[in-house]
Each structure stands twice: as structure tokens, then as C-alpha cells.
């Protein structure tokens, strides 16, 4: 996976579903934290 940002919608849904502040995406090449 070369563009982690493509999965923002999935991550955002998890953040809402579990009532948390941040979502973390990684492929062990890079790691991105979203709010």
C-alpha cells in the first residue's frame, strides 16, 4: 500500500465507532496519525 491516506474513511469510522480521539494508520514503512 503506497498511499495510506486512501483508508482515512475506514479509520474515521473506527474512531467514531469506538468513541476515541485519534486513528493510527501504518504499513511499517510509514505511520500516520489522524484526528
ModelCIF file with pLDDT and N, C-alpha, C, O atoms, coordinates in Angstrom:
data_MODEL
#
_entry.id   MODEL 
#
_entity.id                         1 
_entity.type                       polymer 
_entity.pdbx_number_of_molecules   1 
#
_entity_poly.entity_id                      1 
_entity_poly.type                           'polypeptide(L)' 
_entity_poly.nstd_linkage                   no 
_entity_poly.nstd_monomer                   no 
_entity_poly.pdbx_seq_one_letter_code       
;(UNK)(UNK)(UNK)(UNK)(UNK)(UNK)(UNK)(UNK)(UNK)(UNK)(UNK)(UNK)(UNK)(UNK)(UNK)(UNK)
(UNK)(UNK)(UNK)(UNK)(UNK)(UNK)(UNK)(UNK)(UNK)(UNK)(UNK)(UNK)(UNK)(UNK)(UNK)(UNK)
(UNK)(UNK)(UNK)
;
_entity_poly.pdbx_seq_one_letter_code_can   XXXXXXXXXXXXXXXXXXXXXXXXXXXXXXXXXXX 
_entity_poly.pdbx_strand_id                 A 
#
loop_
_entity_poly_seq.entity_id 
_entity_poly_seq.num 
_entity_poly_seq.mon_id 
_entity_poly_seq.hetero 
1 1  UNK n 
1 2  UNK n 
1 3  UNK n 
1 4  UNK n 
1 5  UNK n 
1 6  UNK n 
1 7  UNK n 
1 8  UNK n 
1 9  UNK n 
1 10 UNK n 
1 11 UNK n 
1 12 UNK n 
1 13 UNK n 
1 14 UNK n 
1 15 UNK n 
1 16 UNK n 
1 17 UNK n 
1 18 UNK n 
1 19 UNK n 
1 20 UNK n 
1 21 UNK n 
1 22 UNK n 
1 23 UNK n 
1 24 UNK n 
1 25 UNK n 
1 26 UNK n 
1 27 UNK n 
1 28 UNK n 
1 29 UNK n 
1 30 UNK n 
1 31 UNK n 
1 32 UNK n 
1 33 UNK n 
1 34 UNK n 
1 35 UNK n 
#
_struct_asym.id          A 
_struct_asym.entity_id   1 
#
loop_
_ma_qa_metric.id 
_ma_qa_metric.mode 
_ma_qa_metric.name 
_ma_qa_metric.software_group_id 
_ma_qa_metric.type 
1 global pLDDT . pLDDT 
2 local  pLDDT . pLDDT 
#
_ma_qa_metric_global.metric_id      1 
_ma_qa_metric_global.metric_value   95.00 
_ma_qa_metric_global.model_id       1 
_ma_qa_metric_global.ordinal_id     1 
#
loop_
_ma_qa_metric_local.label_asym_id 
_ma_qa_metric_local.label_comp_id 
_ma_qa_metric_local.label_seq_id 
_ma_qa_metric_local.metric_id 
_ma_qa_metric_local.metric_value 
_ma_qa_metric_local.model_id 
_ma_qa_metric_local.ordinal_id 
A UNK 1  2 94.00 1 1  
A UNK 2  2 92.00 1 2  
A UNK 3  2 94.00 1 3  
A UNK 4  2 95.00 1 4  
A UNK 5  2 94.00 1 5  
A UNK 6  2 95.00 1 6  
A UNK 7  2 96.00 1 7  
A UNK 8  2 96.00 1 8  
A UNK 9  2 95.00 1 9  
A UNK 10 2 95.00 1 10 
A UNK 11 2 96.00 1 11 
A UNK 12 2 95.00 1 12 
A UNK 13 2 94.00 1 13 
A UNK 14 2 94.00 1 14 
A UNK 15 2 94.00 1 15 
A UNK 16 2 91.00 1 16 
A UNK 17 2 89.00 1 17 
A UNK 18 2 90.00 1 18 
A UNK 19 2 87.00 1 19 
A UNK 20 2 92.00 1 20 
A UNK 21 2 94.00 1 21 
A UNK 22 2 97.00 1 22 
A UNK 23 2 97.00 1 23 
A UNK 24 2 98.00 1 24 
A UNK 25 2 98.00 1 25 
A UNK 26 2 97.00 1 26 
A UNK 27 2 97.00 1 27 
A UNK 28 2 97.00 1 28 
A UNK 29 2 97.00 1 29 
A UNK 30 2 97.00 1 30 
A UNK 31 2 98.00 1 31 
A UNK 32 2 98.00 1 32 
A UNK 33 2 98.00 1 33 
A UNK 34 2 98.00 1 34 
A UNK 35 2 96.00 1 35 
#
loop_
_atom_site.group_PDB 
_atom_site.id 
_atom_site.type_symbol 
_atom_site.label_atom_id 
_atom_site.label_alt_id 
_atom_site.label_comp_id 
_atom_site.label_asym_id 
_atom_site.label_entity_id 
_atom_site.label_seq_id 
_atom_site.pdbx_PDB_ins_code 
_atom_site.Cartn_x 
_atom_site.Cartn_y 
_atom_site.Cartn_z 
_atom_site.occupancy 
_atom_site.B_iso_or_equiv 
_atom_site.pdbx_formal_charge 
_atom_site.auth_seq_id 
_atom_site.auth_comp_id 
_atom_site.auth_asym_id 
_atom_site.auth_atom_id 
_atom_site.pdbx_PDB_model_num 
ATOM 1   N N  . UNK A 1 1  ? 0.849   -1.193 0.000  1.00 94.00 ? 1  UNK A N  1 
ATOM 2   C CA . UNK A 1 1  ? 0.000   0.000  0.000  1.00 94.00 ? 1  UNK A CA 1 
ATOM 3   C C  . UNK A 1 1  ? 0.886   1.245  0.000  1.00 94.00 ? 1  UNK A C  1 
ATOM 4   O O  . UNK A 1 1  ? 1.632   1.480  0.950  1.00 94.00 ? 1  UNK A O  1 
ATOM 5   N N  . UNK A 1 2  ? 0.801   2.035  -1.062 1.00 92.00 ? 2  UNK A N  1 
ATOM 6   C CA . UNK A 1 2  ? 1.677   3.197  -1.212 1.00 92.00 ? 2  UNK A CA 1 
ATOM 7   C C  . UNK A 1 2  ? 1.027   4.490  -0.744 1.00 92.00 ? 2  UNK A C  1 
ATOM 8   O O  . UNK A 1 2  ? 1.722   5.495  -0.593 1.00 92.00 ? 2  UNK A O  1 
ATOM 9   N N  . UNK A 1 3  ? -0.277  4.501  -0.511 1.00 94.00 ? 3  UNK A N  1 
ATOM 10  C CA . UNK A 1 3  ? -0.955  5.726  -0.103 1.00 94.00 ? 3  UNK A CA 1 
ATOM 11  C C  . UNK A 1 3  ? -1.913  5.423  1.046  1.00 94.00 ? 3  UNK A C  1 
ATOM 12  O O  . UNK A 1 3  ? -3.071  5.063  0.832  1.00 94.00 ? 3  UNK A O  1 
ATOM 13  N N  . UNK A 1 4  ? -1.405  5.576  2.266  1.00 95.00 ? 4  UNK A N  1 
ATOM 14  C CA . UNK A 1 4  ? -2.198  5.259  3.447  1.00 95.00 ? 4  UNK A CA 1 
ATOM 15  C C  . UNK A 1 4  ? -3.447  6.140  3.553  1.00 95.00 ? 4  UNK A C  1 
ATOM 16  O O  . UNK A 1 4  ? -4.472  5.710  4.083  1.00 95.00 ? 4  UNK A O  1 
ATOM 17  N N  . UNK A 1 5  ? -3.357  7.363  3.051  1.00 94.00 ? 5  UNK A N  1 
ATOM 18  C CA . UNK A 1 5  ? -4.474  8.295  3.166  1.00 94.00 ? 5  UNK A CA 1 
ATOM 19  C C  . UNK A 1 5  ? -5.742  7.793  2.506  1.00 94.00 ? 5  UNK A C  1 
ATOM 20  O O  . UNK A 1 5  ? -6.828  8.288  2.808  1.00 94.00 ? 5  UNK A O  1 
ATOM 21  N N  . UNK A 1 6  ? -5.630  6.812  1.601  1.00 95.00 ? 6  UNK A N  1 
ATOM 22  C CA . UNK A 1 6  ? -6.816  6.263  0.937  1.00 95.00 ? 6  UNK A CA 1 
ATOM 23  C C  . UNK A 1 6  ? -7.756  5.583  1.924  1.00 95.00 ? 6  UNK A C  1 
ATOM 24  O O  . UNK A 1 6  ? -8.937  5.382  1.638  1.00 95.00 ? 6  UNK A O  1 
ATOM 25  N N  . UNK A 1 7  ? -7.216  5.232  3.090  1.00 96.00 ? 7  UNK A N  1 
ATOM 26  C CA . UNK A 1 7  ? -8.003  4.483  4.076  1.00 96.00 ? 7  UNK A CA 1 
ATOM 27  C C  . UNK A 1 7  ? -8.518  5.383  5.198  1.00 96.00 ? 7  UNK A C  1 
ATOM 28  O O  . UNK A 1 7  ? -8.936  4.898  6.249  1.00 96.00 ? 7  UNK A O  1 
ATOM 29  N N  . UNK A 1 8  ? -8.485  6.683  4.969  1.00 96.00 ? 8  UNK A N  1 
ATOM 30  C CA . UNK A 1 8  ? -8.935  7.619  6.006  1.00 96.00 ? 8  UNK A CA 1 
ATOM 31  C C  . UNK A 1 8  ? -10.388 7.369  6.398  1.00 96.00 ? 8  UNK A C  1 
ATOM 32  O O  . UNK A 1 8  ? -10.715 7.409  7.584  1.00 96.00 ? 8  UNK A O  1 
ATOM 33  N N  . UNK A 1 9  ? -11.267 7.112  5.432  1.00 95.00 ? 9  UNK A N  1 
ATOM 34  C CA . UNK A 1 9  ? -12.693 6.919  5.731  1.00 95.00 ? 9  UNK A CA 1 
ATOM 35  C C  . UNK A 1 9  ? -12.891 5.734  6.668  1.00 95.00 ? 9  UNK A C  1 
ATOM 36  O O  . UNK A 1 9  ? -13.648 5.824  7.635  1.00 95.00 ? 9  UNK A O  1 
ATOM 37  N N  . UNK A 1 10 ? -12.219 4.635  6.388  1.00 95.00 ? 10 UNK A N  1 
ATOM 38  C CA . UNK A 1 10 ? -12.306 3.458  7.245  1.00 95.00 ? 10 UNK A CA 1 
ATOM 39  C C  . UNK A 1 10 ? -11.828 3.787  8.657  1.00 95.00 ? 10 UNK A C  1 
ATOM 40  O O  . UNK A 1 10 ? -12.474 3.429  9.642  1.00 95.00 ? 10 UNK A O  1 
ATOM 41  N N  . UNK A 1 11 ? -10.691 4.472  8.744  1.00 96.00 ? 11 UNK A N  1 
ATOM 42  C CA . UNK A 1 11 ? -10.129 4.832  10.042 1.00 96.00 ? 11 UNK A CA 1 
ATOM 43  C C  . UNK A 1 11 ? -11.063 5.775  10.792 1.00 96.00 ? 11 UNK A C  1 
ATOM 44  O O  . UNK A 1 11 ? -11.277 5.622  11.994 1.00 96.00 ? 11 UNK A O  1 
ATOM 45  N N  . UNK A 1 12 ? -11.614 6.746  10.080 1.00 95.00 ? 12 UNK A N  1 
ATOM 46  C CA . UNK A 1 12 ? -12.528 7.705  10.695 1.00 95.00 ? 12 UNK A CA 1 
ATOM 47  C C  . UNK A 1 12 ? -13.760 7.009  11.248 1.00 95.00 ? 12 UNK A C  1 
ATOM 48  O O  . UNK A 1 12 ? -14.255 7.376  12.314 1.00 95.00 ? 12 UNK A O  1 
ATOM 49  N N  . UNK A 1 13 ? -14.259 6.007  10.532 1.00 94.00 ? 13 UNK A N  1 
ATOM 50  C CA . UNK A 1 13 ? -15.415 5.243  11.016 1.00 94.00 ? 13 UNK A CA 1 
ATOM 51  C C  . UNK A 1 13 ? -15.078 4.511  12.313 1.00 94.00 ? 13 UNK A C  1 
ATOM 52  O O  . UNK A 1 13 ? -15.902 4.447  13.226 1.00 94.00 ? 13 UNK A O  1 
ATOM 53  N N  . UNK A 1 14 ? -13.883 3.966  12.394 1.00 94.00 ? 14 UNK A N  1 
ATOM 54  C CA . UNK A 1 14 ? -13.461 3.282  13.621 1.00 94.00 ? 14 UNK A CA 1 
ATOM 55  C C  . UNK A 1 14 ? -13.367 4.269  14.789 1.00 94.00 ? 14 UNK A C  1 
ATOM 56  O O  . UNK A 1 14 ? -13.794 3.964  15.903 1.00 94.00 ? 14 UNK A O  1 
ATOM 57  N N  . UNK A 1 15 ? -12.815 5.438  14.529 1.00 94.00 ? 15 UNK A N  1 
ATOM 58  C CA . UNK A 1 15 ? -12.685 6.456  15.580 1.00 94.00 ? 15 UNK A CA 1 
ATOM 59  C C  . UNK A 1 15 ? -14.058 6.810  16.139 1.00 94.00 ? 15 UNK A C  1 
ATOM 60  O O  . UNK A 1 15 ? -14.220 6.939  17.353 1.00 94.00 ? 15 UNK A O  1 
ATOM 61  N N  . UNK A 1 16 ? -15.050 6.969  15.258 1.00 91.00 ? 16 UNK A N  1 
ATOM 62  C CA . UNK A 1 16 ? -16.403 7.270  15.714 1.00 91.00 ? 16 UNK A CA 1 
ATOM 63  C C  . UNK A 1 16 ? -17.055 6.100  16.412 1.00 91.00 ? 16 UNK A C  1 
ATOM 64  O O  . UNK A 1 16 ? -17.728 6.275  17.427 1.00 91.00 ? 16 UNK A O  1 
ATOM 65  N N  . UNK A 1 17 ? -16.859 4.898  15.873 1.00 89.00 ? 17 UNK A N  1 
ATOM 66  C CA . UNK A 1 17 ? -17.497 3.704  16.431 1.00 89.00 ? 17 UNK A CA 1 
ATOM 67  C C  . UNK A 1 17 ? -17.015 3.400  17.837 1.00 89.00 ? 17 UNK A C  1 
ATOM 68  O O  . UNK A 1 17 ? -17.781 2.902  18.663 1.00 89.00 ? 17 UNK A O  1 
ATOM 69  N N  . UNK A 1 18 ? -15.746 3.696  18.119 1.00 90.00 ? 18 UNK A N  1 
ATOM 70  C CA . UNK A 1 18 ? -15.189 3.375  19.433 1.00 90.00 ? 18 UNK A CA 1 
ATOM 71  C C  . UNK A 1 18 ? -14.969 4.603  20.302 1.00 90.00 ? 18 UNK A C  1 
ATOM 72  O O  . UNK A 1 18 ? -14.338 4.524  21.356 1.00 90.00 ? 18 UNK A O  1 
ATOM 73  N N  . UNK A 1 19 ? -15.493 5.741  19.851 1.00 87.00 ? 19 UNK A N  1 
ATOM 74  C CA . UNK A 1 19 ? -15.505 6.963  20.655 1.00 87.00 ? 19 UNK A CA 1 
ATOM 75  C C  . UNK A 1 19 ? -14.114 7.323  21.172 1.00 87.00 ? 19 UNK A C  1 
ATOM 76  O O  . UNK A 1 19 ? -13.926 7.548  22.368 1.00 87.00 ? 19 UNK A O  1 
ATOM 77  N N  . UNK A 1 20 ? -13.126 7.375  20.245 1.00 92.00 ? 20 UNK A N  1 
ATOM 78  C CA . UNK A 1 20 ? -11.759 7.747  20.600 1.00 92.00 ? 20 UNK A CA 1 
ATOM 79  C C  . UNK A 1 20 ? -11.370 9.026  19.863 1.00 92.00 ? 20 UNK A C  1 
ATOM 80  O O  . UNK A 1 20 ? -12.132 9.539  19.043 1.00 92.00 ? 20 UNK A O  1 
ATOM 81  N N  . UNK A 1 21 ? -10.183 9.532  20.164 1.00 94.00 ? 21 UNK A N  1 
ATOM 82  C CA . UNK A 1 21 ? -9.740  10.800 19.581 1.00 94.00 ? 21 UNK A CA 1 
ATOM 83  C C  . UNK A 1 21 ? -8.938  10.614 18.299 1.00 94.00 ? 21 UNK A C  1 
ATOM 84  O O  . UNK A 1 21 ? -9.146  11.334 17.323 1.00 94.00 ? 21 UNK A O  1 
ATOM 85  N N  . UNK A 1 22 ? -8.013  9.641  18.303 1.00 97.00 ? 22 UNK A N  1 
ATOM 86  C CA . UNK A 1 22 ? -7.072  9.501  17.194 1.00 97.00 ? 22 UNK A CA 1 
ATOM 87  C C  . UNK A 1 22 ? -7.191  8.145  16.510 1.00 97.00 ? 22 UNK A C  1 
ATOM 88  O O  . UNK A 1 22 ? -7.604  7.155  17.113 1.00 97.00 ? 22 UNK A O  1 
ATOM 89  N N  . UNK A 1 23 ? -6.820  8.131  15.241 1.00 97.00 ? 23 UNK A N  1 
ATOM 90  C CA . UNK A 1 23 ? -6.673  6.895  14.491 1.00 97.00 ? 23 UNK A CA 1 
ATOM 91  C C  . UNK A 1 23 ? -5.279  6.822  13.919 1.00 97.00 ? 23 UNK A C  1 
ATOM 92  O O  . UNK A 1 23 ? -4.758  7.821  13.423 1.00 97.00 ? 23 UNK A O  1 
ATOM 93  N N  . UNK A 1 24 ? -4.659  5.642  13.982 1.00 98.00 ? 24 UNK A N  1 
ATOM 94  C CA . UNK A 1 24 ? -3.283  5.448  13.515 1.00 98.00 ? 24 UNK A CA 1 
ATOM 95  C C  . UNK A 1 24 ? -3.289  4.466  12.345 1.00 98.00 ? 24 UNK A C  1 
ATOM 96  O O  . UNK A 1 24 ? -3.820  3.361  12.458 1.00 98.00 ? 24 UNK A O  1 
ATOM 97  N N  . UNK A 1 25 ? -2.700  4.871  11.230 1.00 98.00 ? 25 UNK A N  1 
ATOM 98  C CA . UNK A 1 25 ? -2.547  4.021  10.051 1.00 98.00 ? 25 UNK A CA 1 
ATOM 99  C C  . UNK A 1 25 ? -1.063  3.743  9.820  1.00 98.00 ? 25 UNK A C  1 
ATOM 100 O O  . UNK A 1 25 ? -0.241  4.655  9.898  1.00 98.00 ? 25 UNK A O  1 
ATOM 101 N N  . UNK A 1 26 ? -0.723  2.498  9.538  1.00 97.00 ? 26 UNK A N  1 
ATOM 102 C CA . UNK A 1 26 ? 0.681   2.210  9.230  1.00 97.00 ? 26 UNK A CA 1 
ATOM 103 C C  . UNK A 1 26 ? 0.795   0.999  8.322  1.00 97.00 ? 26 UNK A C  1 
ATOM 104 O O  . UNK A 1 26 ? -0.058  0.112  8.336  1.00 97.00 ? 26 UNK A O  1 
ATOM 105 N N  . UNK A 1 27 ? 1.862   0.975  7.534  1.00 97.00 ? 27 UNK A N  1 
ATOM 106 C CA . UNK A 1 27 ? 2.233   -0.204 6.743  1.00 97.00 ? 27 UNK A CA 1 
ATOM 107 C C  . UNK A 1 27 ? 3.667   -0.619 7.087  1.00 97.00 ? 27 UNK A C  1 
ATOM 108 O O  . UNK A 1 27 ? 4.288   -1.385 6.350  1.00 97.00 ? 27 UNK A O  1 
ATOM 109 N N  . UNK A 1 28 ? 4.191   -0.109 8.211  1.00 97.00 ? 28 UNK A N  1 
ATOM 110 C CA . UNK A 1 28 ? 5.544   -0.339 8.705  1.00 97.00 ? 28 UNK A CA 1 
ATOM 111 C C  . UNK A 1 28 ? 6.612   0.237  7.776  1.00 97.00 ? 28 UNK A C  1 
ATOM 112 O O  . UNK A 1 28 ? 7.803   -0.008 7.972  1.00 97.00 ? 28 UNK A O  1 
ATOM 113 N N  . UNK A 1 29 ? 6.189   1.007  6.761  1.00 97.00 ? 29 UNK A N  1 
ATOM 114 C CA . UNK A 1 29 ? 7.100   1.860  6.005  1.00 97.00 ? 29 UNK A CA 1 
ATOM 115 C C  . UNK A 1 29 ? 6.971   3.271  6.546  1.00 97.00 ? 29 UNK A C  1 
ATOM 116 O O  . UNK A 1 29 ? 7.957   3.980  6.748  1.00 97.00 ? 29 UNK A O  1 
ATOM 117 N N  . UNK A 1 30 ? 5.709   3.661  6.776  1.00 97.00 ? 30 UNK A N  1 
ATOM 118 C CA . UNK A 1 30 ? 5.412   4.949  7.378  1.00 97.00 ? 30 UNK A CA 1 
ATOM 119 C C  . UNK A 1 30 ? 4.248   4.786  8.339  1.00 97.00 ? 30 UNK A C  1 
ATOM 120 O O  . UNK A 1 30 ? 3.539   3.780  8.310  1.00 97.00 ? 30 UNK A O  1 
ATOM 121 N N  . UNK A 1 31 ? 4.061   5.767  9.176  1.00 98.00 ? 31 UNK A N  1 
ATOM 122 C CA . UNK A 1 31 ? 2.969   5.743  10.144 1.00 98.00 ? 31 UNK A CA 1 
ATOM 123 C C  . UNK A 1 31 ? 2.349   7.134  10.183 1.00 98.00 ? 31 UNK A C  1 
ATOM 124 O O  . UNK A 1 31 ? 3.050   8.139  10.300 1.00 98.00 ? 31 UNK A O  1 
ATOM 125 N N  . UNK A 1 32 ? 1.008   7.176  10.081 1.00 98.00 ? 32 UNK A N  1 
ATOM 126 C CA . UNK A 1 32 ? 0.296   8.451  10.077 1.00 98.00 ? 32 UNK A CA 1 
ATOM 127 C C  . UNK A 1 32 ? -0.774  8.452  11.154 1.00 98.00 ? 32 UNK A C  1 
ATOM 128 O O  . UNK A 1 32 ? -1.502  7.476  11.335 1.00 98.00 ? 32 UNK A O  1 
ATOM 129 N N  . UNK A 1 33 ? -0.852  9.577  11.868 1.00 98.00 ? 33 UNK A N  1 
ATOM 130 C CA . UNK A 1 33 ? -1.845  9.745  12.920 1.00 98.00 ? 33 UNK A CA 1 
ATOM 131 C C  . UNK A 1 33 ? -2.862  10.793 12.475 1.00 98.00 ? 33 UNK A C  1 
ATOM 132 O O  . UNK A 1 33 ? -2.491  11.880 12.032 1.00 98.00 ? 33 UNK A O  1 
ATOM 133 N N  . UNK A 1 34 ? -4.142  10.458 12.598 1.00 98.00 ? 34 UNK A N  1 
ATOM 134 C CA . UNK A 1 34 ? -5.212  11.360 12.182 1.00 98.00 ? 34 UNK A CA 1 
ATOM 135 C C  . UNK A 1 34 ? -6.097  11.711 13.370 1.00 98.00 ? 34 UNK A C  1 
ATOM 136 O O  . UNK A 1 34 ? -6.268  10.932 14.308 1.00 98.00 ? 34 UNK A O  1 
ATOM 137 N N  . UNK A 1 35 ? -6.648  12.908 13.290 1.00 96.00 ? 35 UNK A N  1 
ATOM 138 C CA . UNK A 1 35 ? -7.607  13.379 14.289 1.00 96.00 ? 35 UNK A CA 1 
ATOM 139 C C  . UNK A 1 35 ? -8.885  13.761 13.532 1.00 96.00 ? 35 UNK A C  1 
ATOM 140 O O  . UNK A 1 35 ? -9.861  14.193 14.147 1.00 96.00 ? 35 UNK A O  1 
#
